[in-house]
Amino acid sequence: MSTNTIDFAKVRAQFPILNLVENGQPLVYLDSGATSQKPQRVIDALERYYREENANVHRGVYGLSERATEKYEGARETLRAFLNAKSTKEIVFVRGTTEAINLVAQSWVMENLKEGDEVIVTEMEHHSNIVPWQLLRDRMGIRLIVLRMNQKGEVCMNALKSLVSEKTKLVSVTHMSNALGTINPVKEMAEIAHSVGAKIMIDGAQATPHMQVDVQDLDCDFYALSGHKMYGPTGIGVLYAKEALLEAMPPYQGGGDMIYSVTFDKTEYNVLPYKFEAGTPHISGAIGLAAAVDFLNEVGLENIAKHEAELLAYATEKLSEIDGLQIIGQAEHKGGVVSFVIEGVHPHDMATLMDQDGIAVRASHHCAMPVMQHFNVPATIRASFGAYNNFEDIDRLVVSIQEAKEMLI
């Protein structure tokens, strides 16, 4: 059992969906890497907004609109504190990590890079941190440089040092791999990027539900997160960027609320961060995300990290005892993700049978096809943990794998 001071049975009880029965079995949800489940407080925050607070923000002088605006901007402050940004001007609400990366690509990169300039990514990146740079490579002639990983799923800092040069303008890396669980040394990576005058963009979608993130300590230039990965709603996320960078960047989209004044001759843009929030924002999503942050703060990210480390160690030990099972990605520093393959069994077949036992795992390339190519597998089965998982979930996972394996081999 966990030695943490937090009662994780009570934490688990806050997630009503975990009471579901799937195919006659209690649900075991092990796909938090794709999307997390939502605690009751987030569900309540969304319901309360639409029942009692629904109005557009920033535009109305009537009480309901003013209260909605207060909640929306209060959510921004909650996220500022969560990331330890210097100012709410550095917190831009977006749809998620994907839009955050595309915003940086379409605004900062297009404004500051030219043909021959280089963007460095790692071999373990999610597609959302590869494709935007390929699009600009084809459009602008920039170069995309790949930092390779070893067979444990780790990148080498000396290799990064050898790749950066005066041509390097951006290093864009995942904080925690969604396919492998690898936690990258992003603070050191930021130092290496800055040593040649480059900026660093960090994909924090997988990291923020599992560990404390301090953007000032990391000294990152851009940091992106997705609400739905961290117990919040879908369709909401944050781009953190240093204020000076945002001030100099052109808007990503045009429309309402991102303007100060408009004529047919000229448009003056709004102040930060509204310059990058065109149109009616996802108001309820921001409020729900703030409720999710309150949940994380109440449980404590340090407690969550310890709990998930115990689950990871237990799962790794139990899965390693299964004949023919190979864990893909065994980095020294790793979050609550176990990806594996079983000799002679396609991951999709295994996951389909496991679903009959009420076990929800992901069988996929996990939007990280280069990772699969590196390890020469078509896909992996991935069990990814959240604060609500326990040792019984892992025991049921192991039994289900063994039973499915006997049927398939």
Protein backbone atom coordinates (compact mmCIF):
# COMPACT_ATOMS: atom_id res chain seq x y z
CA MET A 1 0.00 0.00 0.00
CA SER A 2 1.03 3.60 -0.50
CA THR A 3 2.91 5.34 2.29
CA ASN A 4 1.67 8.76 1.23
CA THR A 5 -0.33 10.89 3.64
CA ILE A 6 -3.12 11.30 1.08
CA ASP A 7 -5.93 8.77 1.19
CA PHE A 8 -6.07 7.79 -2.47
CA ALA A 9 -9.20 5.72 -1.92
CA LYS A 10 -10.95 9.02 -1.16
CA VAL A 11 -9.31 10.59 -4.19
CA ARG A 12 -10.64 7.78 -6.36
CA ALA A 13 -14.13 8.24 -4.92
CA GLN A 14 -14.24 11.74 -6.41
CA PHE A 15 -14.48 10.29 -9.95
CA PRO A 16 -18.06 9.11 -10.59
CA ILE A 17 -17.25 7.46 -13.94
CA LEU A 18 -15.13 4.86 -12.14
CA ASN A 19 -18.37 3.36 -10.81
CA LEU A 20 -19.26 2.21 -14.32
CA VAL A 21 -19.54 -1.46 -15.21
CA GLU A 22 -18.11 -2.44 -18.61
CA ASN A 23 -19.00 -5.81 -20.09
CA GLY A 24 -20.15 -6.99 -16.67
CA GLN A 25 -16.92 -5.93 -14.96
CA PRO A 26 -16.05 -2.87 -12.89
CA LEU A 27 -14.22 -0.38 -15.08
CA VAL A 28 -10.43 -0.26 -14.81
CA TYR A 29 -9.40 2.93 -16.60
CA LEU A 30 -5.75 2.89 -17.68
CA ASP A 31 -5.80 5.39 -20.52
CA SER A 32 -5.13 8.67 -18.74
CA GLY A 33 -2.37 9.42 -21.24
CA ALA A 34 -5.10 9.88 -23.86
CA THR A 35 -7.48 11.74 -21.58
CA SER A 36 -8.02 11.80 -17.84
CA GLN A 37 -11.29 11.25 -16.06
CA LYS A 38 -12.92 14.19 -14.29
CA PRO A 39 -13.48 14.66 -10.56
CA GLN A 40 -16.88 15.73 -9.32
CA ARG A 41 -15.69 19.27 -8.61
CA VAL A 42 -14.89 19.81 -12.30
CA ILE A 43 -18.25 18.42 -13.36
CA ASP A 44 -19.94 20.66 -10.79
CA ALA A 45 -18.02 23.74 -11.97
CA LEU A 46 -19.15 23.20 -15.54
CA GLU A 47 -22.76 22.61 -14.51
CA ARG A 48 -22.77 25.65 -12.23
CA TYR A 49 -21.43 27.89 -14.97
CA TYR A 50 -24.14 26.95 -17.44
CA ARG A 51 -26.85 26.96 -14.78
CA GLU A 52 -25.93 30.16 -12.91
CA GLU A 53 -23.13 32.12 -14.63
CA ASN A 54 -23.51 31.76 -18.40
CA ALA A 55 -22.76 34.99 -20.28
CA ASN A 56 -20.12 36.25 -22.64
CA VAL A 57 -17.02 37.80 -21.12
CA HIS A 58 -15.30 41.20 -21.45
CA ARG A 59 -18.23 42.77 -23.31
CA GLY A 60 -21.23 43.10 -21.06
CA VAL A 61 -21.77 45.73 -18.39
CA TYR A 62 -24.59 43.76 -16.76
CA GLY A 63 -24.00 41.71 -13.66
CA LEU A 64 -24.10 38.24 -15.20
CA SER A 65 -21.45 39.11 -17.76
CA GLU A 66 -19.29 40.75 -15.13
CA ARG A 67 -19.49 37.63 -12.95
CA ALA A 68 -18.62 35.38 -15.90
CA THR A 69 -15.67 37.63 -16.70
CA GLU A 70 -14.52 37.48 -13.09
CA LYS A 71 -14.63 33.67 -13.14
CA TYR A 72 -12.84 33.48 -16.49
CA GLU A 73 -10.06 35.83 -15.47
CA GLY A 74 -9.89 34.15 -12.08
CA ALA A 75 -9.16 30.93 -13.95
CA ARG A 76 -6.29 32.66 -15.73
CA GLU A 77 -4.80 33.66 -12.40
CA THR A 78 -5.20 30.09 -11.15
CA LEU A 79 -3.20 28.84 -14.14
CA ARG A 80 -0.60 31.58 -13.69
CA ALA A 81 -0.02 30.46 -10.12
CA PHE A 82 -0.04 26.78 -11.15
CA LEU A 83 2.81 27.36 -13.61
CA ASN A 84 4.45 30.15 -11.57
CA ALA A 85 4.35 32.54 -14.50
CA LYS A 86 5.29 36.12 -13.70
CA SER A 87 2.05 37.62 -14.99
CA THR A 88 -1.37 36.66 -16.30
CA LYS A 89 -0.25 38.40 -19.50
CA GLU A 90 1.83 35.27 -20.11
CA ILE A 91 -1.17 32.91 -19.93
CA VAL A 92 -3.00 32.48 -23.23
CA PHE A 93 -6.05 30.22 -23.29
CA VAL A 94 -6.08 27.91 -26.31
CA ARG A 95 -7.86 24.68 -27.26
CA GLY A 96 -4.97 22.55 -26.04
CA THR A 97 -1.32 21.73 -26.53
CA THR A 98 -1.76 21.19 -30.26
CA GLU A 99 -3.13 24.68 -30.82
CA ALA A 100 -0.47 26.16 -28.53
CA ILE A 101 2.32 24.64 -30.63
CA ASN A 102 0.65 25.75 -33.85
CA LEU A 103 0.27 29.27 -32.45
CA VAL A 104 4.02 29.43 -31.82
CA ALA A 105 4.70 27.97 -35.26
CA GLN A 106 2.39 30.32 -37.15
CA SER A 107 3.28 33.44 -35.16
CA TRP A 108 6.75 33.40 -33.57
CA VAL A 109 8.47 31.04 -36.00
CA MET A 110 7.08 32.63 -39.15
CA GLU A 111 8.06 36.05 -37.84
CA ASN A 112 11.57 35.15 -36.68
CA LEU A 113 12.94 32.27 -38.79
CA LYS A 114 14.15 32.22 -42.36
CA GLU A 115 15.27 29.64 -44.89
CA GLY A 116 18.08 27.49 -43.52
CA ASP A 117 17.28 28.14 -39.84
CA GLU A 118 16.87 25.03 -37.72
CA VAL A 119 14.26 23.63 -35.33
CA ILE A 120 15.34 20.69 -33.17
CA VAL A 121 12.89 18.07 -31.91
CA THR A 122 13.42 14.68 -30.28
CA GLU A 123 12.64 11.31 -31.78
CA MET A 124 9.97 10.70 -29.11
CA GLU A 125 7.72 13.64 -29.96
CA HIS A 126 3.95 13.48 -30.38
CA HIS A 127 2.84 14.23 -33.93
CA SER A 128 1.60 17.65 -32.77
CA ASN A 129 5.23 18.59 -32.10
CA ILE A 130 6.44 17.31 -35.48
CA VAL A 131 3.86 18.16 -38.14
CA PRO A 132 3.68 21.96 -37.51
CA TRP A 133 7.44 22.21 -38.07
CA GLN A 134 7.24 20.06 -41.21
CA LEU A 135 4.57 22.37 -42.60
CA LEU A 136 6.86 25.34 -42.06
CA ARG A 137 9.82 23.42 -43.45
CA ASP A 138 7.91 22.94 -46.68
CA ARG A 139 6.64 26.52 -46.73
CA MET A 140 9.67 28.45 -45.48
CA GLY A 141 12.65 26.20 -46.10
CA ILE A 142 13.60 25.82 -42.45
CA ARG A 143 15.37 22.61 -41.41
CA LEU A 144 13.96 20.07 -38.96
CA ILE A 145 16.71 18.36 -36.96
CA VAL A 146 15.97 15.20 -34.93
CA LEU A 147 17.66 14.38 -31.62
CA ARG A 148 17.69 10.58 -31.53
CA MET A 149 17.06 8.41 -28.47
CA ASN A 150 18.61 5.17 -27.23
CA GLN A 151 16.93 1.80 -26.73
CA LYS A 152 15.81 2.79 -23.24
CA GLY A 153 13.92 5.74 -24.67
CA GLU A 154 16.30 8.45 -23.46
CA VAL A 155 17.96 11.34 -25.27
CA CYS A 156 21.59 12.30 -24.70
CA MET A 157 22.46 15.84 -23.62
CA ASN A 158 25.89 15.62 -25.24
CA ALA A 159 24.17 14.77 -28.52
CA LEU A 160 21.97 17.84 -28.14
CA LYS A 161 25.04 19.98 -27.49
CA SER A 162 26.56 18.70 -30.72
CA LEU A 163 23.40 19.48 -32.70
CA VAL A 164 22.85 23.09 -31.62
CA SER A 165 24.60 25.85 -33.53
CA GLU A 166 24.12 29.44 -34.59
CA LYS A 167 21.54 28.11 -37.07
CA THR A 168 19.41 26.66 -34.24
CA LYS A 169 16.51 28.99 -33.50
CA LEU A 170 14.13 26.72 -31.60
CA VAL A 171 14.34 23.51 -29.58
CA SER A 172 10.87 21.99 -29.21
CA VAL A 173 10.64 18.99 -26.90
CA THR A 174 8.21 16.96 -24.85
CA HIS A 175 8.51 17.20 -21.08
CA MET A 176 7.16 13.65 -20.70
CA SER A 177 6.69 11.21 -23.57
CA ASN A 178 3.12 10.02 -24.04
CA ALA A 179 4.31 6.78 -25.68
CA LEU A 180 7.20 5.87 -23.36
CA GLY A 181 6.76 7.80 -20.13
CA THR A 182 10.28 9.24 -20.43
CA ILE A 183 10.74 12.46 -18.47
CA ASN A 184 13.20 14.67 -20.30
CA PRO A 185 15.68 16.99 -18.53
CA VAL A 186 14.01 20.07 -19.99
CA LYS A 187 15.75 22.54 -17.69
CA GLU A 188 19.13 21.40 -18.97
CA MET A 189 17.77 21.40 -22.51
CA ALA A 190 16.69 25.01 -22.04
CA GLU A 191 20.19 25.95 -20.92
CA ILE A 192 21.68 24.28 -24.00
CA ALA A 193 19.20 26.02 -26.32
CA HIS A 194 19.84 29.40 -24.74
CA SER A 195 23.62 28.92 -24.99
CA VAL A 196 23.35 29.41 -28.76
CA GLY A 197 20.62 32.06 -28.59
CA ALA A 198 17.77 29.67 -29.43
CA LYS A 199 14.37 29.54 -27.76
CA ILE A 200 12.80 26.45 -26.21
CA MET A 201 9.23 25.21 -26.56
CA ILE A 202 8.08 22.52 -24.12
CA ASP A 203 5.12 20.21 -24.75
CA GLY A 204 3.82 19.75 -21.21
CA ALA A 205 0.60 17.87 -22.02
CA GLN A 206 1.73 14.71 -20.23
CA ALA A 207 3.76 16.39 -17.49
CA THR A 208 1.32 18.76 -15.82
CA PRO A 209 -0.99 16.04 -14.37
CA HIS A 210 1.95 14.28 -12.76
CA MET A 211 4.57 16.77 -11.56
CA GLN A 212 5.06 20.34 -10.44
CA VAL A 213 5.99 22.69 -13.28
CA ASP A 214 7.69 26.02 -12.60
CA VAL A 215 8.21 27.88 -15.86
CA GLN A 216 10.47 30.47 -14.24
CA ASP A 217 12.72 27.77 -12.80
CA LEU A 218 12.80 25.95 -16.14
CA ASP A 219 13.47 29.28 -17.88
CA CYS A 220 11.46 28.04 -20.84
CA ASP A 221 10.29 30.44 -23.50
CA PHE A 222 7.09 28.57 -24.34
CA TYR A 223 5.19 25.89 -22.39
CA ALA A 224 1.97 24.21 -23.51
CA LEU A 225 -0.61 22.14 -21.63
CA SER A 226 -3.98 20.50 -22.26
CA GLY A 227 -6.80 20.62 -19.72
CA HIS A 228 -8.26 17.23 -20.58
CA LYS A 229 -4.99 15.48 -19.68
CA MET A 230 -5.01 17.01 -16.19
CA TYR A 231 -8.54 16.19 -14.99
CA GLY A 232 -10.10 19.20 -16.72
CA PRO A 233 -12.47 19.61 -19.68
CA THR A 234 -11.69 18.96 -23.32
CA GLY A 235 -11.10 21.82 -25.72
CA ILE A 236 -9.17 24.03 -23.29
CA GLY A 237 -5.47 24.47 -22.69
CA VAL A 238 -2.78 27.05 -22.06
CA LEU A 239 0.15 28.49 -23.91
CA TYR A 240 2.61 30.07 -21.51
CA ALA A 241 5.10 32.39 -23.17
CA LYS A 242 7.45 35.02 -21.85
CA GLU A 243 5.79 38.41 -22.00
CA ALA A 244 8.43 40.01 -24.20
CA LEU A 245 7.99 37.29 -26.80
CA LEU A 246 4.20 37.63 -26.84
CA GLU A 247 4.46 41.41 -27.14
CA ALA A 248 6.58 41.06 -30.27
CA MET A 249 4.53 38.26 -31.86
CA PRO A 250 1.77 39.01 -34.38
CA PRO A 251 -1.72 37.64 -33.70
CA TYR A 252 -2.42 34.04 -34.62
CA GLN A 253 -6.05 34.67 -35.58
CA GLY A 254 -8.21 37.73 -36.18
CA GLY A 255 -11.66 38.45 -34.82
CA GLY A 256 -13.46 39.82 -31.83
CA ASP A 257 -11.82 40.58 -28.47
CA MET A 258 -8.28 40.48 -29.88
CA ILE A 259 -8.68 44.06 -31.10
CA TYR A 260 -8.59 47.50 -29.50
CA SER A 261 -10.00 49.38 -32.49
CA VAL A 262 -10.85 48.51 -36.09
CA THR A 263 -11.28 50.61 -39.21
CA PHE A 264 -11.04 49.54 -42.84
CA ASP A 265 -7.65 51.22 -42.92
CA LYS A 266 -6.10 49.93 -39.73
CA THR A 267 -6.57 47.63 -36.75
CA GLU A 268 -5.00 48.15 -33.35
CA TYR A 269 -4.59 44.96 -31.38
CA ASN A 270 -5.66 44.37 -27.80
CA VAL A 271 -3.22 44.08 -24.92
CA LEU A 272 -1.81 40.75 -23.74
CA PRO A 273 -3.00 38.08 -23.50
CA TYR A 274 -6.17 38.98 -25.38
CA LYS A 275 -4.26 39.67 -28.60
CA PHE A 276 -4.10 35.88 -29.01
CA GLU A 277 -7.67 35.03 -27.94
CA ALA A 278 -9.84 35.86 -30.95
CA GLY A 279 -13.58 35.30 -30.64
CA THR A 280 -15.67 34.05 -27.76
CA PRO A 281 -13.37 31.89 -25.65
CA HIS A 282 -14.09 28.51 -24.08
CA ILE A 283 -15.32 30.19 -20.90
CA SER A 284 -16.70 27.11 -19.20
CA GLY A 285 -13.58 25.20 -20.16
CA ALA A 286 -11.30 27.72 -18.46
CA ILE A 287 -13.47 27.63 -15.33
CA GLY A 288 -13.45 23.84 -15.38
CA LEU A 289 -9.68 23.79 -15.86
CA ALA A 290 -9.27 26.03 -12.82
CA ALA A 291 -11.36 23.54 -10.83
CA ALA A 292 -9.05 20.77 -12.03
CA VAL A 293 -6.04 22.75 -10.84
CA ASP A 294 -7.74 23.16 -7.47
CA PHE A 295 -8.08 19.37 -7.36
CA LEU A 296 -4.40 18.89 -8.19
CA ASN A 297 -3.36 21.43 -5.58
CA GLU A 298 -5.57 19.85 -2.94
CA VAL A 299 -4.21 16.34 -3.52
CA GLY A 300 -0.71 17.68 -4.08
CA LEU A 301 1.39 17.02 -7.17
CA GLU A 302 4.20 15.68 -5.01
CA ASN A 303 1.79 13.15 -3.49
CA ILE A 304 0.47 12.23 -6.93
CA ALA A 305 4.01 11.75 -8.24
CA LYS A 306 4.88 9.44 -5.34
CA HIS A 307 1.67 7.46 -5.71
CA GLU A 308 2.13 7.00 -9.45
CA ALA A 309 5.79 6.06 -8.99
CA GLU A 310 4.67 3.24 -6.68
CA LEU A 311 2.11 2.11 -9.25
CA LEU A 312 4.72 2.24 -12.01
CA ALA A 313 7.22 0.18 -10.02
CA TYR A 314 4.56 -2.40 -9.14
CA ALA A 315 3.27 -2.62 -12.70
CA THR A 316 6.78 -2.92 -14.14
CA GLU A 317 7.60 -5.75 -11.75
CA LYS A 318 4.37 -7.68 -12.41
CA LEU A 319 4.39 -7.22 -16.19
CA SER A 320 8.04 -8.24 -16.41
CA GLU A 321 7.05 -11.65 -15.02
CA ILE A 322 4.82 -12.41 -18.03
CA ASP A 323 6.56 -14.61 -20.61
CA GLY A 324 6.95 -12.98 -23.99
CA LEU A 325 6.09 -9.48 -22.75
CA GLN A 326 8.55 -6.71 -23.59
CA ILE A 327 8.28 -3.27 -22.03
CA ILE A 328 9.03 -0.54 -24.58
CA GLY A 329 10.77 2.40 -22.93
CA GLN A 330 12.67 1.88 -19.71
CA ALA A 331 14.17 5.28 -19.06
CA GLU A 332 15.66 5.96 -15.66
CA HIS A 333 13.40 8.99 -15.21
CA LYS A 334 9.90 7.97 -16.14
CA GLY A 335 6.29 8.87 -15.41
CA GLY A 336 3.26 6.63 -14.93
CA VAL A 337 3.22 5.00 -18.36
CA VAL A 338 3.96 1.38 -19.29
CA SER A 339 4.04 0.53 -23.00
CA PHE A 340 4.54 -3.07 -23.98
CA VAL A 341 4.24 -5.67 -26.70
CA ILE A 342 3.72 -9.42 -26.45
CA GLU A 343 5.51 -11.74 -28.79
CA GLY A 344 3.17 -13.22 -31.38
CA VAL A 345 0.19 -11.00 -30.46
CA HIS A 346 -1.02 -7.84 -32.18
CA PRO A 347 -1.71 -5.09 -29.61
CA HIS A 348 -5.17 -4.38 -31.04
CA ASP A 349 -6.25 -8.01 -30.57
CA MET A 350 -4.98 -8.00 -26.99
CA ALA A 351 -6.69 -4.73 -26.09
CA THR A 352 -9.98 -5.89 -27.61
CA LEU A 353 -10.03 -8.99 -25.44
CA MET A 354 -9.01 -6.99 -22.37
CA ASP A 355 -11.98 -4.71 -22.92
CA GLN A 356 -14.21 -7.73 -22.24
CA ASP A 357 -12.69 -7.74 -18.74
CA GLY A 358 -13.50 -4.06 -18.25
CA ILE A 359 -9.86 -3.03 -18.77
CA ALA A 360 -9.44 0.20 -20.76
CA VAL A 361 -5.94 0.45 -22.23
CA ARG A 362 -4.70 2.06 -25.43
CA ALA A 363 -3.41 -0.07 -28.32
CA SER A 364 -1.99 2.32 -30.87
CA HIS A 365 1.01 4.16 -32.21
CA HIS A 366 -0.08 6.85 -29.71
CA CYS A 367 0.35 9.66 -32.27
CA ALA A 368 4.08 8.94 -32.06
CA MET A 369 4.83 6.86 -35.16
CA PRO A 370 8.57 7.65 -35.13
CA VAL A 371 8.74 6.00 -31.69
CA MET A 372 7.17 2.85 -33.09
CA GLN A 373 9.57 2.94 -36.03
CA HIS A 374 12.54 3.29 -33.67
CA PHE A 375 11.54 0.17 -31.75
CA ASN A 376 10.39 -1.65 -34.91
CA VAL A 377 6.87 -2.34 -33.67
CA PRO A 378 3.54 -1.46 -35.35
CA ALA A 379 1.98 -0.35 -32.06
CA THR A 380 2.15 -0.93 -28.33
CA ILE A 381 -0.32 -1.57 -25.57
CA ARG A 382 -0.12 1.35 -23.17
CA ALA A 383 -1.31 1.46 -19.58
CA SER A 384 -1.14 5.03 -18.32
CA PHE A 385 -1.95 5.93 -14.73
CA GLY A 386 -3.79 8.71 -12.97
CA ALA A 387 -4.25 9.70 -9.35
CA TYR A 388 -7.35 7.47 -9.21
CA ASN A 389 -5.59 4.20 -10.06
CA ASN A 390 -4.60 1.64 -7.45
CA PHE A 391 -2.76 -1.66 -7.10
CA GLU A 392 -5.94 -3.65 -7.68
CA ASP A 393 -6.20 -2.05 -11.13
CA ILE A 394 -2.74 -3.38 -11.96
CA ASP A 395 -3.55 -6.83 -10.60
CA ARG A 396 -6.63 -6.98 -12.83
CA LEU A 397 -4.54 -5.72 -15.77
CA VAL A 398 -2.04 -8.54 -15.30
CA VAL A 399 -4.71 -11.24 -15.00
CA SER A 400 -6.47 -9.95 -18.11
CA ILE A 401 -3.24 -9.95 -20.10
CA GLN A 402 -2.51 -13.52 -19.07
CA GLU A 403 -5.99 -14.71 -19.98
CA ALA A 404 -5.99 -12.90 -23.32
CA LYS A 405 -2.52 -14.22 -24.09
CA GLU A 406 -3.68 -17.80 -23.59
CA MET A 407 -6.54 -17.23 -26.03
CA LEU A 408 -4.38 -15.60 -28.71
CA ILE A 409 -1.31 -17.82 -28.70
